[in-house]
Amino acid sequence: MFSPGPLVDALKESRGTIVTVGIFSSIVNVLYLTGSLYMLQIYDRVLASRSIPTLLALSLFVLAAYTFQGIFDVLRQRITVRMASVFDEKLQDVTHKAVITLGVMSKTPGEAMGPVRQVDTIRSFATSAGPTALLDAPWVPFYLAICFLIHPWLGWLSLAGSIVLTIIAILTERVSRDSVRQANVDQGVRGAVIEGDRHNSESVIAMGMQPQLLGRWRHINGKFLASVERSADVVNSFGAVTKSFRMALQSSVLGLGALLVIFGQLSPGSMIMASIMMGRALNPIEVAVGNFRSFIAARDAFKLLNEKLGEFAKEKAVTELPAPTQTLEVEGLVVAPPHANKATLNGINFGLRAGEAMGLIGPSGTGKTSLARVLVGIWEPARGAVRLDGAELDQWRNETLGASIGFLAQEVGLFDGTIAQNIARMSENPDSSAVLAAARAAGAHDLILGMPEGYDTRIGEGGSFLSAGQRQRIALARALYGDPFLIVLDEPQSNLDAEGENALLNAIQGAKARGAIVIVISHRPSTLAGCDKVLVVANGGQQGFGPRDEVLRQVLAQPANVQNTGQSGGVELRRGDEEDGE
């Protein structure tokens, strides 16, 4: 039913637990006979003999049986809940990896958070009444067989009723499938929109954008509510039909049983027992119909998540390479955003050695940031190669490569935690000496000491308690943490004052002095003062590369080369090109 993947593997690993739950379900279903057998004995033996000792003995037996039934029922429910938690824990690593990767590759709002929502959907279903109904379903033939043993007519009536309810359950799944899926899609879009509004709350308040955004929110929320109403109406309608039919069928069994009692073919106790057995046979079907919304959502989430996580669970064997220390080489590089059919940059070629710094310049929109993302491994090259010490980036283990790269993004992203934790890249046990060294290298040590609690100051979500300049300087310290070999800084001076710019230049010089390679994307000539070489991009390609002063003279002599935004210079990617790059 499902293709191989991490979720299927997780289920296979839980096979023993599933068998245990199945055994407990078998015990519970056998003990479900307690009530019907008690009724049978009361009507056919106790009332006929008027024996109080028999009544007491039967009552004590029933009390003990119900006690064990309750214990085993609680145990199977708890095991199911624990199994759902273990299932979540087994997927947490690959789910987190998927969310991070999709964060830079997703095409639609909310797609990146899809794996987390899907895991939550599966776990919610696993802790509901749905799995219990599925575990009880194999016992339906057992209860129907007892009805046949009591009397064939009652058995055939119960069998016909179960077939009708099964047909209703199938119709419920078929009719509600699309509406439930649409409701789940609309829920994802709704969550993405409100999260975007929250993320930009300062701009919303400052520029009075709430009325416009409120209109959009009402439209999207209304669409979601309409989808929920449609799916709920379908499932609830079929649920009401199922419940009414089951009650009518149970009354029919009593009526037919009474007729058989009148004709002397059945005892009153057997009549009551048949009614209870028929109810037990139909109960799993009725519960399943009532939980079809969550069942469909969980099934679809399982299928999507199994396929999606399969892309991120495959860890190819990589020979451990030492940390890079010598060169960066870019050969025939074609840069394109994920899922794009048109390249942003084409034919990028340059090389840098340890201790060199390069300025990356060009008009806005020419792909400088896109190139930076490829250089640090966020995006894969559409074509060409990026090599550190002769090895392409995908030949390195992620942890080794990550420790060897420092990256300051154009949009600074900090985490809710302390300054020290952020500089240490959210390490659980930050190396205090390395944190201090990175802060000093970034010229942020005195700035941090001036904070209320110094390095232990909490900065809020996204560094909301800090100014833009403070966030940028702390992010620079994070990029320098651990003395990485390749440091890529995207507009590192955009929020800095004169003191901050001096600290940035000193940081670049310090990184060069210890043998790092530094790449700086900038529009300010002052930032290029610490660079040895300059790469110019425009018109969808490389316009110049070489020593700083020589390239800048060429740029000043022929400014047209870098004044075009490059919008017409993109290179079309054939489908095969994209696949080769991936």
Protein backbone atom coordinates (compact mmCIF):
# COMPACT_ATOMS: atom_id res chain seq x y z
CA MET A 1 0.00 0.00 0.00
CA PHE A 2 2.87 2.35 0.86
CA SER A 3 6.26 2.53 -0.84
CA PRO A 4 9.40 1.88 1.23
CA GLY A 5 10.49 4.84 3.31
CA PRO A 6 11.42 6.01 6.81
CA LEU A 7 7.82 5.79 8.09
CA VAL A 8 7.41 2.24 6.85
CA ASP A 9 10.76 1.40 8.45
CA ALA A 10 9.62 2.96 11.74
CA LEU A 11 6.46 0.83 11.65
CA LYS A 12 8.52 -2.29 11.01
CA GLU A 13 10.70 -1.47 14.01
CA SER A 14 7.51 -1.17 16.10
CA ARG A 15 6.22 -4.55 14.95
CA GLY A 16 6.70 -6.12 18.38
CA THR A 17 4.73 -3.34 20.07
CA ILE A 18 1.95 -3.63 17.50
CA VAL A 19 1.74 -7.39 18.16
CA THR A 20 1.52 -6.70 21.90
CA VAL A 21 -1.33 -4.24 21.36
CA GLY A 22 -3.02 -6.82 19.15
CA ILE A 23 -2.77 -9.45 21.91
CA PHE A 24 -4.25 -7.04 24.45
CA SER A 25 -7.03 -6.23 21.99
CA SER A 26 -7.77 -9.94 21.66
CA ILE A 27 -8.02 -10.28 25.44
CA VAL A 28 -10.29 -7.23 25.65
CA ASN A 29 -12.57 -8.54 22.90
CA VAL A 30 -12.86 -11.95 24.58
CA LEU A 31 -13.74 -10.20 27.84
CA TYR A 32 -16.41 -8.22 25.96
CA LEU A 33 -18.40 -11.47 26.07
CA THR A 34 -18.76 -11.01 29.83
CA GLY A 35 -21.86 -8.84 29.72
CA SER A 36 -23.73 -10.97 27.20
CA LEU A 37 -22.92 -14.23 29.00
CA TYR A 38 -24.03 -12.64 32.27
CA MET A 39 -27.36 -11.64 30.71
CA LEU A 40 -27.78 -15.13 29.30
CA GLN A 41 -27.23 -16.76 32.69
CA ILE A 42 -29.46 -14.26 34.50
CA TYR A 43 -32.41 -14.78 32.16
CA ASP A 44 -32.06 -18.51 31.60
CA ARG A 45 -30.70 -19.78 34.91
CA VAL A 46 -30.98 -17.33 37.82
CA LEU A 47 -34.53 -16.15 37.16
CA ALA A 48 -35.67 -19.69 36.46
CA SER A 49 -34.05 -21.17 39.59
CA ARG A 50 -34.40 -18.07 41.79
CA SER A 51 -30.95 -18.99 43.18
CA ILE A 52 -29.31 -16.13 45.06
CA PRO A 53 -25.96 -17.97 45.51
CA THR A 54 -25.78 -18.47 41.74
CA LEU A 55 -26.52 -14.77 41.22
CA LEU A 56 -23.79 -13.75 43.68
CA ALA A 57 -21.25 -16.11 42.13
CA LEU A 58 -22.01 -14.88 38.63
CA SER A 59 -21.86 -11.25 39.78
CA LEU A 60 -18.45 -11.73 41.40
CA PHE A 61 -17.17 -13.43 38.27
CA VAL A 62 -18.47 -10.59 36.10
CA LEU A 63 -16.94 -7.98 38.40
CA ALA A 64 -13.54 -9.66 38.14
CA ALA A 65 -13.85 -10.00 34.36
CA TYR A 66 -14.79 -6.32 33.95
CA THR A 67 -11.83 -5.34 36.14
CA PHE A 68 -9.42 -7.25 33.92
CA GLN A 69 -11.11 -5.85 30.83
CA GLY A 70 -10.59 -2.31 32.10
CA ILE A 71 -6.96 -3.00 32.96
CA PHE A 72 -6.14 -4.45 29.54
CA ASP A 73 -8.09 -1.68 27.80
CA VAL A 74 -6.10 0.98 29.65
CA LEU A 75 -2.87 -0.85 28.88
CA ARG A 76 -3.52 -1.03 25.14
CA GLN A 77 -4.51 2.65 25.07
CA ARG A 78 -1.34 3.64 26.91
CA ILE A 79 0.84 1.45 24.71
CA THR A 80 -0.75 3.02 21.62
CA VAL A 81 -0.01 6.52 22.94
CA ARG A 82 3.58 5.56 23.83
CA MET A 83 4.03 3.95 20.41
CA ALA A 84 2.88 7.20 18.79
CA SER A 85 5.47 9.12 20.83
CA VAL A 86 8.23 6.64 19.93
CA PHE A 87 7.17 6.89 16.29
CA ASP A 88 7.50 10.68 16.52
CA GLU A 89 10.92 10.41 18.18
CA LYS A 90 12.22 8.07 15.48
CA LEU A 91 11.27 10.62 12.84
CA GLN A 92 12.32 13.78 14.67
CA ASP A 93 15.83 13.96 13.18
CA VAL A 94 14.84 13.46 9.55
CA THR A 95 11.76 15.68 10.03
CA HIS A 96 13.90 18.53 11.35
CA LYS A 97 16.31 18.08 8.45
CA ALA A 98 13.41 18.16 6.00
CA VAL A 99 11.99 21.37 7.49
CA ILE A 100 15.36 23.12 7.33
CA THR A 101 16.01 22.01 3.75
CA LEU A 102 12.50 22.83 2.55
CA GLY A 103 12.87 26.25 4.16
CA VAL A 104 15.22 27.26 1.33
CA MET A 105 13.71 25.11 -1.43
CA SER A 106 9.92 25.22 -0.95
CA LYS A 107 7.76 26.67 -3.70
CA THR A 108 4.53 27.29 -1.76
CA PRO A 109 3.75 29.00 1.58
CA GLY A 110 3.80 26.61 4.49
CA GLU A 111 5.41 23.75 2.55
CA ALA A 112 8.47 23.78 4.79
CA MET A 113 6.35 23.12 7.89
CA GLY A 114 4.43 20.35 6.13
CA PRO A 115 6.45 17.44 7.61
CA VAL A 116 5.87 18.64 11.18
CA ARG A 117 2.12 19.06 10.60
CA GLN A 118 1.94 15.62 8.99
CA VAL A 119 3.72 13.96 11.92
CA ASP A 120 1.29 15.73 14.28
CA THR A 121 -1.66 14.48 12.20
CA ILE A 122 -0.45 10.88 12.38
CA ARG A 123 0.22 11.12 16.11
CA SER A 124 -3.21 12.66 16.76
CA PHE A 125 -4.91 9.82 14.91
CA ALA A 126 -2.81 7.23 16.75
CA THR A 127 -4.02 8.58 20.10
CA SER A 128 -7.70 8.74 19.05
CA ALA A 129 -10.38 6.03 18.97
CA GLY A 130 -9.53 5.24 15.35
CA PRO A 131 -6.73 2.69 15.94
CA THR A 132 -8.85 0.93 18.56
CA ALA A 133 -11.60 0.47 15.98
CA LEU A 134 -9.06 -0.92 13.51
CA LEU A 135 -7.78 -3.38 16.13
CA ASP A 136 -11.33 -4.46 16.96
CA ALA A 137 -12.33 -4.86 13.30
CA PRO A 138 -10.85 -8.40 12.91
CA TRP A 139 -13.20 -9.53 15.69
CA VAL A 140 -16.34 -8.62 13.75
CA PRO A 141 -16.57 -12.12 12.15
CA PHE A 142 -16.17 -13.65 15.63
CA TYR A 143 -19.21 -11.80 16.99
CA LEU A 144 -21.20 -12.55 13.84
CA ALA A 145 -20.35 -16.23 14.22
CA ILE A 146 -21.77 -16.17 17.76
CA CYS A 147 -24.97 -14.64 16.35
CA PHE A 148 -25.19 -17.54 13.90
CA LEU A 149 -24.64 -20.02 16.75
CA ILE A 150 -27.49 -18.45 18.71
CA HIS A 151 -29.81 -18.72 15.70
CA PRO A 152 -29.14 -18.63 11.91
CA TRP A 153 -31.86 -16.04 11.32
CA LEU A 154 -30.22 -13.65 13.80
CA GLY A 155 -26.84 -14.36 12.20
CA TRP A 156 -28.06 -13.54 8.70
CA LEU A 157 -29.74 -10.35 9.91
CA SER A 158 -26.55 -9.23 11.69
CA LEU A 159 -24.42 -10.13 8.67
CA ALA A 160 -26.68 -8.13 6.34
CA GLY A 161 -26.50 -5.16 8.70
CA SER A 162 -22.71 -5.30 8.89
CA ILE A 163 -22.48 -5.42 5.08
CA VAL A 164 -24.71 -2.34 4.79
CA LEU A 165 -22.61 -0.46 7.37
CA THR A 166 -19.42 -1.47 5.56
CA ILE A 167 -20.85 -0.06 2.33
CA ILE A 168 -21.71 3.16 4.18
CA ALA A 169 -18.13 3.31 5.51
CA ILE A 170 -16.70 2.88 2.00
CA LEU A 171 -19.03 5.58 0.65
CA THR A 172 -17.96 7.86 3.50
CA GLU A 173 -14.32 7.47 2.52
CA ARG A 174 -15.00 7.98 -1.19
CA VAL A 175 -17.26 11.00 -0.79
CA SER A 176 -15.29 12.79 1.95
CA ARG A 177 -11.78 12.12 0.62
CA ASP A 178 -11.43 15.25 -1.55
CA SER A 179 -13.09 17.63 0.92
CA VAL A 180 -10.89 16.41 3.79
CA ARG A 181 -7.75 16.82 1.69
CA GLN A 182 -8.79 20.32 0.62
CA ALA A 183 -9.43 21.26 4.24
CA ASN A 184 -5.91 20.10 5.14
CA VAL A 185 -4.41 22.13 2.27
CA ASP A 186 -6.37 25.23 3.28
CA GLN A 187 -5.25 24.77 6.87
CA GLY A 188 -1.61 24.80 5.77
CA VAL A 189 -2.09 27.97 3.71
CA ARG A 190 -3.97 29.59 6.59
CA GLY A 191 -1.13 28.84 9.01
CA ALA A 192 1.50 30.18 6.60
CA VAL A 193 -0.39 33.44 6.06
CA ILE A 194 -0.93 34.20 9.74
CA GLU A 195 2.71 33.32 10.49
CA GLY A 196 3.81 35.75 7.77
CA ASP A 197 1.62 38.47 9.26
CA ARG A 198 3.08 37.80 12.71
CA HIS A 199 6.64 37.82 11.37
CA ASN A 200 6.09 41.26 9.81
CA SER A 201 4.05 42.66 12.70
CA GLU A 202 6.28 45.73 13.16
CA SER A 203 5.75 46.86 9.56
CA VAL A 204 2.04 46.08 9.83
CA ILE A 205 1.62 48.31 12.87
CA ALA A 206 3.93 51.10 11.69
CA MET A 207 2.32 51.46 8.24
CA GLY A 208 -1.27 50.74 9.21
CA MET A 209 -1.48 47.62 7.04
CA GLN A 210 -3.80 45.68 9.33
CA PRO A 211 -7.06 46.52 7.46
CA GLN A 212 -5.62 45.21 4.17
CA LEU A 213 -4.15 42.13 5.80
CA LEU A 214 -7.35 41.57 7.75
CA GLY A 215 -9.28 41.39 4.49
CA ARG A 216 -6.87 38.78 3.15
CA TRP A 217 -7.02 36.85 6.41
CA ARG A 218 -10.82 36.83 6.38
CA HIS A 219 -10.82 35.47 2.83
CA ILE A 220 -8.30 32.70 3.57
CA ASN A 221 -9.84 31.83 6.94
CA GLY A 222 -13.30 31.79 5.36
CA LYS A 223 -12.08 29.42 2.66
CA PHE A 224 -10.61 27.14 5.32
CA LEU A 225 -13.81 27.18 7.39
CA ALA A 226 -15.87 26.39 4.30
CA SER A 227 -13.64 23.40 3.56
CA VAL A 228 -13.94 22.18 7.14
CA GLU A 229 -17.71 22.58 7.04
CA ARG A 230 -17.98 20.62 3.80
CA SER A 231 -15.86 17.74 5.07
CA ALA A 232 -17.58 17.74 8.47
CA ASP A 233 -21.05 17.79 6.88
CA VAL A 234 -20.23 14.75 4.76
CA VAL A 235 -18.68 12.72 7.57
CA ASN A 236 -21.28 13.74 10.16
CA SER A 237 -24.15 12.96 7.79
CA PHE A 238 -22.85 9.49 7.10
CA GLY A 239 -22.16 9.09 10.82
CA ALA A 240 -25.76 9.97 11.67
CA VAL A 241 -27.03 7.51 9.05
CA THR A 242 -24.73 4.84 10.46
CA LYS A 243 -25.89 5.44 14.02
CA SER A 244 -29.58 5.44 13.10
CA PHE A 245 -29.21 2.29 11.01
CA ARG A 246 -27.30 0.54 13.79
CA MET A 247 -30.01 1.39 16.35
CA ALA A 248 -32.74 0.24 13.97
CA LEU A 249 -30.83 -2.96 13.30
CA GLN A 250 -30.36 -3.63 16.99
CA SER A 251 -34.10 -3.18 17.55
CA SER A 252 -34.73 -5.50 14.62
CA VAL A 253 -32.58 -8.17 16.23
CA LEU A 254 -34.58 -7.82 19.44
CA GLY A 255 -37.82 -8.01 17.49
CA LEU A 256 -36.74 -11.08 15.55
CA GLY A 257 -35.41 -12.62 18.76
CA ALA A 258 -38.72 -11.99 20.51
CA LEU A 259 -40.53 -13.69 17.62
CA LEU A 260 -38.23 -16.70 17.93
CA VAL A 261 -38.86 -16.78 21.70
CA ILE A 262 -42.61 -16.77 21.07
CA PHE A 263 -42.20 -19.70 18.67
CA GLY A 264 -40.12 -21.50 21.27
CA GLN A 265 -36.94 -21.52 19.18
CA LEU A 266 -34.95 -19.22 21.44
CA SER A 267 -34.62 -18.43 25.13
CA PRO A 268 -35.00 -14.84 26.43
CA GLY A 269 -31.35 -14.81 27.52
CA SER A 270 -30.19 -15.83 24.05
CA MET A 271 -32.29 -13.03 22.57
CA ILE A 272 -30.51 -10.43 24.74
CA MET A 273 -27.12 -12.00 24.05
CA ALA A 274 -27.72 -11.84 20.27
CA SER A 275 -28.57 -8.14 20.53
CA ILE A 276 -25.36 -7.43 22.47
CA MET A 277 -23.21 -9.50 20.09
CA MET A 278 -24.65 -7.71 17.07
CA GLY A 279 -23.88 -4.38 18.73
CA ARG A 280 -20.29 -5.46 19.36
CA ALA A 281 -19.95 -6.60 15.74
CA LEU A 282 -21.14 -3.26 14.39
CA ASN A 283 -19.36 -1.01 16.89
CA PRO A 284 -15.93 -0.96 15.14
CA ILE A 285 -17.59 -0.03 11.85
CA GLU A 286 -19.58 2.77 13.48
CA VAL A 287 -16.49 4.12 15.26
CA ALA A 288 -14.51 3.95 12.02
CA VAL A 289 -17.14 5.99 10.18
CA GLY A 290 -17.08 8.60 12.96
CA ASN A 291 -13.29 8.88 12.69
CA PHE A 292 -13.00 8.87 8.92
CA ARG A 293 -11.85 12.51 8.75
CA SER A 294 -8.87 11.83 11.00
CA PHE A 295 -8.25 8.48 9.31
CA ILE A 296 -8.13 10.01 5.81
CA ALA A 297 -5.94 12.87 7.04
CA ALA A 298 -3.55 10.44 8.77
CA ARG A 299 -3.40 8.11 5.76
CA ASP A 300 -2.64 10.96 3.36
CA ALA A 301 -0.12 12.44 5.80
CA PHE A 302 1.58 9.05 6.13
CA LYS A 303 1.84 8.63 2.37
CA LEU A 304 3.12 12.17 1.72
CA LEU A 305 5.51 12.10 4.66
CA ASN A 306 6.88 8.68 3.76
CA GLU A 307 7.68 9.91 0.25
CA LYS A 308 8.96 13.32 1.34
CA LEU A 309 11.16 12.12 4.19
CA GLY A 310 12.57 9.40 1.97
CA GLU A 311 14.42 12.14 0.09
CA PHE A 312 16.10 13.33 3.28
CA ALA A 313 16.63 10.02 5.09
CA LYS A 314 19.13 8.72 2.53
CA GLU A 315 22.58 9.40 3.94
CA LYS A 316 25.13 8.31 1.37
CA ALA A 317 28.39 6.95 2.65
CA VAL A 318 30.98 9.72 2.58
CA THR A 319 34.67 9.18 3.22
CA GLU A 320 35.83 11.38 6.06
CA LEU A 321 37.86 14.23 4.59
CA PRO A 322 39.98 16.56 6.69
CA ALA A 323 38.79 20.12 7.15
CA PRO A 324 39.66 22.30 4.12
CA THR A 325 42.64 24.62 4.55
CA GLN A 326 43.98 25.49 1.09
CA THR A 327 41.75 26.54 -1.83
CA LEU A 328 38.30 27.41 -3.14
CA GLU A 329 37.73 26.70 -6.83
CA VAL A 330 34.60 27.49 -8.83
CA GLU A 331 34.42 25.92 -12.29
CA GLY A 332 31.78 26.54 -14.97
CA LEU A 333 29.18 27.30 -12.33
CA VAL A 334 25.55 27.83 -13.33
CA VAL A 335 23.38 29.21 -10.53
CA ALA A 336 19.60 28.76 -10.45
CA PRO A 337 17.07 28.81 -7.60
CA PRO A 338 15.49 25.45 -6.75
CA HIS A 339 12.71 24.43 -9.18
CA ALA A 340 13.61 27.30 -11.53
CA ASN A 341 13.80 26.84 -15.31
CA LYS A 342 16.02 29.87 -15.81
CA ALA A 343 19.53 30.35 -14.48
CA THR A 344 20.41 33.46 -12.52
CA LEU A 345 24.12 33.29 -13.32
CA ASN A 346 26.04 31.36 -15.95
CA GLY A 347 29.71 30.59 -16.48
CA ILE A 348 31.16 31.62 -13.12
CA ASN A 349 34.86 30.72 -12.82
CA PHE A 350 37.30 31.86 -10.14
CA GLY A 351 39.72 30.54 -7.57
CA LEU A 352 40.95 31.74 -4.19
CA ARG A 353 43.73 30.57 -1.93
CA ALA A 354 44.02 30.57 1.84
CA GLY A 355 44.50 34.07 3.21
CA GLU A 356 42.72 35.82 0.32
CA ALA A 357 39.56 37.92 0.40
CA MET A 358 37.31 38.60 -2.57
CA GLY A 359 34.68 41.27 -3.05
CA LEU A 360 31.57 40.24 -5.01
CA ILE A 361 29.92 43.24 -6.66
CA GLY A 362 27.23 43.91 -9.21
CA PRO A 363 23.86 45.61 -9.60
CA SER A 364 20.92 44.58 -7.45
CA GLY A 365 19.10 41.51 -8.69
CA THR A 366 22.05 40.03 -10.59
CA GLY A 367 22.34 36.91 -8.41
CA LYS A 368 25.06 37.76 -5.91
CA THR A 369 23.10 36.30 -3.00
CA SER A 370 22.17 33.27 -5.11
CA LEU A 371 25.86 32.69 -5.82
CA ALA A 372 26.63 32.96 -2.10
CA ARG A 373 24.00 30.30 -1.36
CA VAL A 374 25.65 27.91 -3.79
CA LEU A 375 29.13 28.61 -2.42
CA VAL A 376 28.12 27.63 1.12
CA GLY A 377 26.05 24.61 0.06
CA ILE A 378 22.53 25.96 0.67
CA TRP A 379 21.65 25.42 -3.00
CA GLU A 380 23.13 22.83 -5.32
CA PRO A 381 24.77 24.02 -8.55
CA ALA A 382 22.58 23.70 -11.64
CA ARG A 383 25.83 22.90 -13.46
CA GLY A 384 29.52 23.19 -12.72
CA ALA A 385 31.31 22.65 -9.44
CA VAL A 386 32.36 24.34 -6.22
CA ARG A 387 35.47 22.74 -4.74
CA LEU A 388 37.26 23.12 -1.42
CA ASP A 389 40.79 21.70 -1.51
CA GLY A 390 39.84 19.97 -4.76
CA ALA A 391 36.73 18.19 -3.39
CA GLU A 392 33.19 19.16 -4.35
CA LEU A 393 30.94 20.18 -1.48
CA ASP A 394 28.85 17.00 -1.61
CA GLN A 395 31.97 14.94 -0.87
CA TRP A 396 32.15 16.36 2.63
CA ARG A 397 30.24 15.24 5.66
CA ASN A 398 27.68 17.87 6.65
CA GLU A 399 29.11 18.39 10.12
CA THR A 400 32.66 18.81 8.78
CA LEU A 401 31.61 21.18 6.02
CA GLY A 402 29.35 23.20 8.32
CA ALA A 403 32.12 23.71 10.86
CA SER A 404 34.41 24.92 8.06
CA ILE A 405 31.98 27.55 6.76
CA GLY A 406 30.97 30.87 8.22
CA PHE A 407 27.95 32.55 6.65
CA LEU A 408 26.36 35.91 7.35
CA ALA A 409 23.08 36.10 5.44
CA GLN A 410 21.66 39.33 4.08
CA GLU A 411 18.66 38.88 6.37
CA VAL A 412 20.17 38.20 9.77
CA GLY A 413 18.47 35.30 11.54
CA LEU A 414 19.11 34.76 15.23
CA PHE A 415 17.47 32.27 17.59
CA ASP A 416 15.61 32.66 20.85
CA GLY A 417 18.38 32.07 23.35
CA THR A 418 21.40 33.78 24.85
CA ILE A 419 24.02 35.72 22.94
CA ALA A 420 26.59 33.03 23.76
CA GLN A 421 24.32 30.28 22.42
CA ASN A 422 23.76 32.19 19.19
CA ILE A 423 27.45 32.84 18.65
CA ALA A 424 28.15 29.15 19.38
CA ARG A 425 25.61 28.16 16.70
CA MET A 426 23.12 26.96 19.34
CA SER A 427 25.48 24.41 20.81
CA GLU A 428 24.07 22.84 23.98
CA ASN A 429 27.44 23.26 25.70
CA PRO A 430 29.11 26.31 24.16
CA ASP A 431 32.89 26.54 24.27
CA SER A 432 33.30 29.77 26.23
CA SER A 433 36.82 30.41 24.95
CA ALA A 434 35.69 29.95 21.33
CA VAL A 435 32.68 32.22 21.91
CA LEU A 436 34.88 34.95 23.35
CA ALA A 437 37.41 34.56 20.53
CA ALA A 438 34.67 34.88 17.89
CA ALA A 439 33.18 37.93 19.59
CA ARG A 440 36.58 39.61 19.81
CA ALA A 441 37.32 38.74 16.17
CA ALA A 442 34.04 40.41 15.20
CA GLY A 443 34.77 43.43 17.40
CA ALA A 444 31.61 42.72 19.38
CA HIS A 445 33.10 41.82 22.77
CA ASP A 446 32.71 45.25 24.37
CA LEU A 447 29.25 45.62 22.81
CA ILE A 448 28.14 42.34 24.39
CA LEU A 449 29.62 43.18 27.79
CA GLY A 450 27.42 46.27 27.78
CA MET A 451 24.29 44.11 27.60
CA PRO A 452 22.26 43.60 30.83
CA GLU A 453 23.62 40.07 31.39
CA GLY A 454 26.56 40.13 29.01
CA TYR A 455 26.95 36.94 27.01
CA ASP A 456 24.04 35.38 28.91
CA THR A 457 21.56 38.03 27.77
CA ARG A 458 18.52 36.49 26.11
CA ILE A 459 17.77 38.19 22.80
CA GLY A 460 14.23 37.00 22.04
CA GLU A 461 12.89 35.36 18.91
CA GLY A 462 14.92 36.43 15.89
CA GLY A 463 16.97 38.75 18.13
CA SER A 464 13.96 41.01 18.57
CA PHE A 465 15.44 42.57 21.74
CA LEU A 466 18.44 43.89 19.77
CA SER A 467 18.90 46.67 17.25
CA ALA A 468 19.60 45.79 13.62
CA GLY A 469 23.25 46.73 14.02
CA GLN A 470 23.63 44.63 17.16
CA ARG A 471 22.04 41.64 15.45
CA GLN A 472 24.42 41.98 12.51
CA ARG A 473 27.52 42.14 14.69
CA ILE A 474 26.47 39.11 16.74
CA ALA A 475 25.70 37.24 13.51
CA LEU A 476 29.19 38.16 12.28
CA ALA A 477 30.64 36.67 15.47
CA ARG A 478 28.63 33.51 14.79
CA ALA A 479 30.07 33.35 11.26
CA LEU A 480 33.58 33.56 12.74
CA TYR A 481 32.95 30.99 15.51
CA GLY A 482 35.34 28.06 15.38
CA ASP A 483 37.70 29.76 12.89
CA PRO A 484 36.00 28.48 9.71
CA PHE A 485 38.01 28.23 6.50
CA LEU A 486 35.43 29.75 4.10
CA ILE A 487 33.62 32.88 5.28
CA VAL A 488 30.88 34.37 3.09
CA LEU A 489 29.43 37.72 4.18
CA ASP A 490 26.34 39.01 2.34
CA GLU A 491 26.01 42.80 2.77
CA PRO A 492 27.66 42.60 6.23
CA GLN A 493 27.79 46.38 6.65
CA SER A 494 24.16 47.19 5.75
CA ASN A 495 23.19 48.05 9.35
CA LEU A 496 26.56 49.06 10.75
CA ASP A 497 27.75 52.45 11.89
CA ALA A 498 31.33 53.68 11.48
CA GLU A 499 32.50 51.72 14.52
CA GLY A 500 30.82 48.59 13.20
CA GLU A 501 32.41 49.01 9.76
CA ASN A 502 35.86 49.31 11.31
CA ALA A 503 35.18 46.16 13.32
CA LEU A 504 34.11 44.41 10.11
CA LEU A 505 37.31 45.39 8.27
CA ASN A 506 39.39 44.21 11.22
CA ALA A 507 37.47 40.91 11.22
CA ILE A 508 38.21 40.41 7.52
CA GLN A 509 41.90 41.16 8.05
CA GLY A 510 42.03 38.83 11.05
CA ALA A 511 40.42 35.98 9.12
CA LYS A 512 42.87 36.45 6.25
CA ALA A 513 45.79 36.49 8.65
CA ARG A 514 44.90 33.06 10.07
CA GLY A 515 44.52 31.56 6.56
CA ALA A 516 40.80 31.80 5.89
CA ILE A 517 39.13 32.65 2.58
CA VAL A 518 36.68 35.55 2.84
CA ILE A 519 34.04 36.53 0.28
CA VAL A 520 32.24 39.83 0.84
CA ILE A 521 29.14 40.92 -1.07
CA SER A 522 28.91 44.67 -0.86
CA HIS A 523 27.84 47.88 -2.54
CA ARG A 524 30.18 50.04 -0.44
CA PRO A 525 33.71 50.68 -1.74
CA SER A 526 34.96 50.97 1.84
CA THR A 527 34.24 47.30 2.47
CA LEU A 528 36.35 46.30 -0.53
CA ALA A 529 39.41 47.86 1.10
CA GLY A 530 40.21 44.59 2.81
CA CYS A 531 39.75 42.49 -0.36
CA ASP A 532 42.56 41.24 -2.58
CA LYS A 533 40.37 40.35 -5.54
CA VAL A 534 37.01 41.36 -6.97
CA LEU A 535 34.43 39.38 -8.92
CA VAL A 536 31.92 41.38 -10.98
CA VAL A 537 28.60 39.83 -12.03
CA ALA A 538 26.00 41.40 -14.31
CA ASN A 539 23.82 40.52 -17.28
CA GLY A 540 23.48 36.94 -16.04
CA GLY A 541 27.18 36.19 -16.01
CA GLN A 542 30.70 37.00 -14.91
CA GLN A 543 31.95 40.37 -16.15
CA GLY A 544 35.34 40.43 -14.52
CA PHE A 545 37.60 38.78 -11.97
CA GLY A 546 41.08 39.62 -10.79
CA PRO A 547 43.09 41.89 -8.50
CA ARG A 548 40.90 44.48 -6.81
CA ASP A 549 42.39 47.68 -8.21
CA GLU A 550 42.65 46.31 -11.75
CA VAL A 551 39.03 45.11 -11.84
CA LEU A 552 37.69 48.29 -10.27
CA ARG A 553 39.49 50.37 -12.93
CA GLN A 554 37.82 48.26 -15.62
CA VAL A 555 34.44 48.71 -13.98
CA LEU A 556 34.86 52.47 -13.77
CA ALA A 557 36.03 52.60 -17.37
CA GLN A 558 33.08 50.54 -18.66
CA PRO A 559 30.24 51.07 -16.18
CA ALA A 560 27.62 49.68 -18.57
CA ASN A 561 28.88 46.19 -17.79
CA VAL A 562 27.53 46.37 -14.28
CA GLN A 563 24.63 48.78 -14.57
CA ASN A 564 22.26 46.33 -16.19
CA THR A 565 20.24 44.41 -13.63
CA GLY A 566 20.81 41.17 -15.46
CA GLN A 567 17.10 40.44 -15.83
CA SER A 568 17.56 39.67 -19.50
CA GLY A 569 20.74 37.76 -18.99
CA GLY A 570 19.32 34.58 -17.45
CA VAL A 571 20.15 31.30 -19.13
CA GLU A 572 17.39 28.85 -19.92
CA LEU A 573 17.88 25.50 -18.23
CA ARG A 574 16.78 22.39 -20.06
CA ARG A 575 15.07 19.76 -17.91
CA GLY A 576 18.09 17.53 -18.25
CA ASP A 577 20.33 20.35 -17.01
CA GLU A 578 18.30 20.69 -13.84
CA GLU A 579 18.38 16.99 -13.23
CA ASP A 580 22.13 16.89 -13.79
CA GLY A 581 22.53 19.66 -11.27
CA GLU A 582 20.46 17.86 -8.71
